[in-house]
Amino acid sequence: MTLAVPDDFPHPPFGGSLSGMQLKFSLTRGPDGRFHEPGSLPEERAEDFLRCCEVVDWAVGFLREKALKPKYAALTTEQMLEKFRVNLANDFEMPESYRSWILARLTDRLGQR
């Protein structure tokens, strides 16, 4: 059984195509024998979703711990999230749509909406 991924979780970006006389798409063969875009199988999406949820859970604790330190006490939650956004882009290799989803969940969990 596959984990139910929420509708607001982004789909991975399309892998691309190659030029030439005929357009060639980047596809993979799924366990059912059909061709799919890489990362679009339910199992792959569930894995990506769980990985992003782990980042959110870790980041909530990390940011709350940082907020208690004198160096960061003067920063607002929005400023902390902006700093985290920059670090997320530098330290985690993932599509921008996943980073945006993570930041939206962090904003919700930290009580900014």
C-alpha atoms as a PDB file:
ATOM      1  CA  MET A   1       0.000   0.000   0.000  1.00  0.00           C
ATOM      2  CA  THR A   2       1.286   3.440  -0.938  1.00  0.00           C
ATOM      3  CA  LEU A   3       1.179   6.445   1.356  1.00  0.00           C
ATOM      4  CA  ALA A   4      -1.474   9.008   0.383  1.00  0.00           C
ATOM      5  CA  VAL A   5       0.414  12.114  -0.723  1.00  0.00           C
ATOM      6  CA  PRO A   6      -1.556  15.354  -0.173  1.00  0.00           C
ATOM      7  CA  ASP A   7      -2.769  17.231  -3.241  1.00  0.00           C
ATOM      8  CA  ASP A   8      -0.719  20.312  -2.361  1.00  0.00           C
ATOM      9  CA  PHE A   9       2.570  18.385  -2.564  1.00  0.00           C
ATOM     10  CA  PRO A  10       4.230  19.352  -5.857  1.00  0.00           C
ATOM     11  CA  HIS A  11       4.954  16.955  -8.674  1.00  0.00           C
ATOM     12  CA  PRO A  12       8.618  16.682  -9.626  1.00  0.00           C
ATOM     13  CA  PRO A  13       9.608  18.841 -12.581  1.00  0.00           C
ATOM     14  CA  PHE A  14       9.646  17.127 -15.966  1.00  0.00           C
ATOM     15  CA  GLY A  15      13.030  15.515 -16.597  1.00  0.00           C
ATOM     16  CA  GLY A  16      13.533  17.024 -20.026  1.00  0.00           C
ATOM     17  CA  SER A  17      13.913  16.058 -23.618  1.00  0.00           C
ATOM     18  CA  LEU A  18      16.625  15.755 -26.227  1.00  0.00           C
ATOM     19  CA  SER A  19      16.639  17.619 -29.506  1.00  0.00           C
ATOM     20  CA  GLY A  20      16.921  16.047 -32.907  1.00  0.00           C
ATOM     21  CA  MET A  21      14.719  15.097 -35.810  1.00  0.00           C
ATOM     22  CA  GLN A  22      12.266  13.555 -33.373  1.00  0.00           C
ATOM     23  CA  LEU A  23      11.776  14.798 -29.842  1.00  0.00           C
ATOM     24  CA  LYS A  24      13.020  12.276 -27.270  1.00  0.00           C
ATOM     25  CA  PHE A  25      11.575  12.359 -23.760  1.00  0.00           C
ATOM     26  CA  SER A  26      13.195  11.126 -20.589  1.00  0.00           C
ATOM     27  CA  LEU A  27      10.923   8.289 -19.424  1.00  0.00           C
ATOM     28  CA  THR A  28      11.326   5.247 -17.197  1.00  0.00           C
ATOM     29  CA  ARG A  29       9.508   1.935 -17.311  1.00  0.00           C
ATOM     30  CA  GLY A  30       7.400   1.304 -14.232  1.00  0.00           C
ATOM     31  CA  PRO A  31       6.716  -2.042 -12.559  1.00  0.00           C
ATOM     32  CA  ASP A  32       3.470  -2.262 -14.524  1.00  0.00           C
ATOM     33  CA  GLY A  33       5.421  -2.128 -17.809  1.00  0.00           C
ATOM     34  CA  ARG A  34       4.121   1.320 -18.719  1.00  0.00           C
ATOM     35  CA  PHE A  35       6.346   4.358 -19.245  1.00  0.00           C
ATOM     36  CA  HIS A  36       6.317   7.223 -16.746  1.00  0.00           C
ATOM     37  CA  GLU A  37       8.128  10.477 -16.151  1.00  0.00           C
ATOM     38  CA  PRO A  38      10.950   9.942 -13.629  1.00  0.00           C
ATOM     39  CA  GLY A  39       9.688  10.533 -10.081  1.00  0.00           C
ATOM     40  CA  SER A  40       6.005  10.364 -10.977  1.00  0.00           C
ATOM     41  CA  LEU A  41       5.199   6.863  -9.724  1.00  0.00           C
ATOM     42  CA  PRO A  42       3.121   6.846  -6.521  1.00  0.00           C
ATOM     43  CA  GLU A  43       5.911   5.085  -4.612  1.00  0.00           C
ATOM     44  CA  GLU A  44       8.476   7.684  -5.727  1.00  0.00           C
ATOM     45  CA  ARG A  45       6.169  10.575  -4.847  1.00  0.00           C
ATOM     46  CA  ALA A  46       5.503   9.048  -1.417  1.00  0.00           C
ATOM     47  CA  GLU A  47       9.255   8.722  -0.840  1.00  0.00           C
ATOM     48  CA  ASP A  48       9.826  12.374  -1.810  1.00  0.00           C
ATOM     49  CA  PHE A  49       6.921  13.458   0.393  1.00  0.00           C
ATOM     50  CA  LEU A  50       8.298  11.581   3.411  1.00  0.00           C
ATOM     51  CA  ARG A  51      11.762  13.047   2.823  1.00  0.00           C
ATOM     52  CA  CYS A  52      10.315  16.578   2.728  1.00  0.00           C
ATOM     53  CA  CYS A  53       8.260  15.895   5.887  1.00  0.00           C
ATOM     54  CA  GLU A  54      11.449  14.779   7.646  1.00  0.00           C
ATOM     55  CA  VAL A  55      13.121  18.058   6.675  1.00  0.00           C
ATOM     56  CA  VAL A  56      10.125  20.011   8.022  1.00  0.00           C
ATOM     57  CA  ASP A  57      10.118  18.105  11.325  1.00  0.00           C
ATOM     58  CA  TRP A  58      13.862  18.576  11.740  1.00  0.00           C
ATOM     59  CA  ALA A  59      13.712  22.272  10.792  1.00  0.00           C
ATOM     60  CA  VAL A  60      10.940  23.096  13.285  1.00  0.00           C
ATOM     61  CA  GLY A  61      13.075  21.864  16.172  1.00  0.00           C
ATOM     62  CA  PHE A  62      16.211  23.437  14.744  1.00  0.00           C
ATOM     63  CA  LEU A  63      14.620  26.874  14.278  1.00  0.00           C
ATOM     64  CA  ARG A  64      12.965  26.828  17.703  1.00  0.00           C
ATOM     65  CA  GLU A  65      16.305  25.930  19.279  1.00  0.00           C
ATOM     66  CA  LYS A  66      18.074  28.693  17.331  1.00  0.00           C
ATOM     67  CA  ALA A  67      15.457  31.245  18.414  1.00  0.00           C
ATOM     68  CA  LEU A  68      16.437  30.643  22.054  1.00  0.00           C
ATOM     69  CA  LYS A  69      20.076  31.590  21.446  1.00  0.00           C
ATOM     70  CA  PRO A  70      20.990  35.237  22.154  1.00  0.00           C
ATOM     71  CA  LYS A  71      22.508  35.665  18.691  1.00  0.00           C
ATOM     72  CA  TYR A  72      19.137  34.930  17.045  1.00  0.00           C
ATOM     73  CA  ALA A  73      16.722  36.150  19.720  1.00  0.00           C
ATOM     74  CA  ALA A  74      16.242  39.524  18.005  1.00  0.00           C
ATOM     75  CA  LEU A  75      15.230  37.954  14.678  1.00  0.00           C
ATOM     76  CA  THR A  76      11.574  37.581  13.795  1.00  0.00           C
ATOM     77  CA  THR A  77      10.259  34.233  12.622  1.00  0.00           C
ATOM     78  CA  GLU A  78      10.097  35.622   9.084  1.00  0.00           C
ATOM     79  CA  GLN A  79      13.781  36.577   9.232  1.00  0.00           C
ATOM     80  CA  MET A  80      14.692  33.128  10.567  1.00  0.00           C
ATOM     81  CA  LEU A  81      12.716  31.503   7.755  1.00  0.00           C
ATOM     82  CA  GLU A  82      14.465  33.676   5.174  1.00  0.00           C
ATOM     83  CA  LYS A  83      17.872  32.610   6.502  1.00  0.00           C
ATOM     84  CA  PHE A  84      16.711  29.004   6.476  1.00  0.00           C
ATOM     85  CA  ARG A  85      15.432  29.379   2.893  1.00  0.00           C
ATOM     86  CA  VAL A  86      18.896  30.448   1.735  1.00  0.00           C
ATOM     87  CA  ASN A  87      20.559  27.547   3.574  1.00  0.00           C
ATOM     88  CA  LEU A  88      17.977  25.095   2.265  1.00  0.00           C
ATOM     89  CA  ALA A  89      18.774  26.126  -1.305  1.00  0.00           C
ATOM     90  CA  ASN A  90      22.515  25.727  -0.689  1.00  0.00           C
ATOM     91  CA  ASP A  91      22.541  22.550   1.410  1.00  0.00           C
ATOM     92  CA  PHE A  92      19.701  20.381   0.076  1.00  0.00           C
ATOM     93  CA  GLU A  93      19.637  19.271  -3.535  1.00  0.00           C
ATOM     94  CA  MET A  94      15.958  19.193  -4.427  1.00  0.00           C
ATOM     95  CA  PRO A  95      13.585  20.918  -6.850  1.00  0.00           C
ATOM     96  CA  GLU A  96      12.558  24.489  -6.048  1.00  0.00           C
ATOM     97  CA  SER A  97       8.923  23.389  -5.811  1.00  0.00           C
ATOM     98  CA  TYR A  98       9.845  21.033  -2.941  1.00  0.00           C
ATOM     99  CA  ARG A  99      11.747  23.806  -1.134  1.00  0.00           C
ATOM    100  CA  SER A 100       8.724  26.108  -1.483  1.00  0.00           C
ATOM    101  CA  TRP A 101       6.452  23.391  -0.080  1.00  0.00           C
ATOM    102  CA  ILE A 102       8.819  22.855   2.870  1.00  0.00           C
ATOM    103  CA  LEU A 103       8.889  26.587   3.633  1.00  0.00           C
ATOM    104  CA  ALA A 104       5.091  26.795   3.463  1.00  0.00           C
ATOM    105  CA  ARG A 105       4.795  23.906   5.957  1.00  0.00           C
ATOM    106  CA  LEU A 106       7.396  25.549   8.207  1.00  0.00           C
ATOM    107  CA  THR A 107       5.478  28.810   8.133  1.00  0.00           C
ATOM    108  CA  ASP A 108       2.307  26.949   9.140  1.00  0.00           C
ATOM    109  CA  ARG A 109       4.020  24.962  11.884  1.00  0.00           C
ATOM    110  CA  LEU A 110       5.757  28.010  13.332  1.00  0.00           C
ATOM    111  CA  GLY A 111       2.455  29.919  13.466  1.00  0.00           C
ATOM    112  CA  GLN A 112       2.937  32.640  10.893  1.00  0.00           C
ATOM    113  CA  ARG A 113      -0.255  32.219   8.856  1.00  0.00           C
END
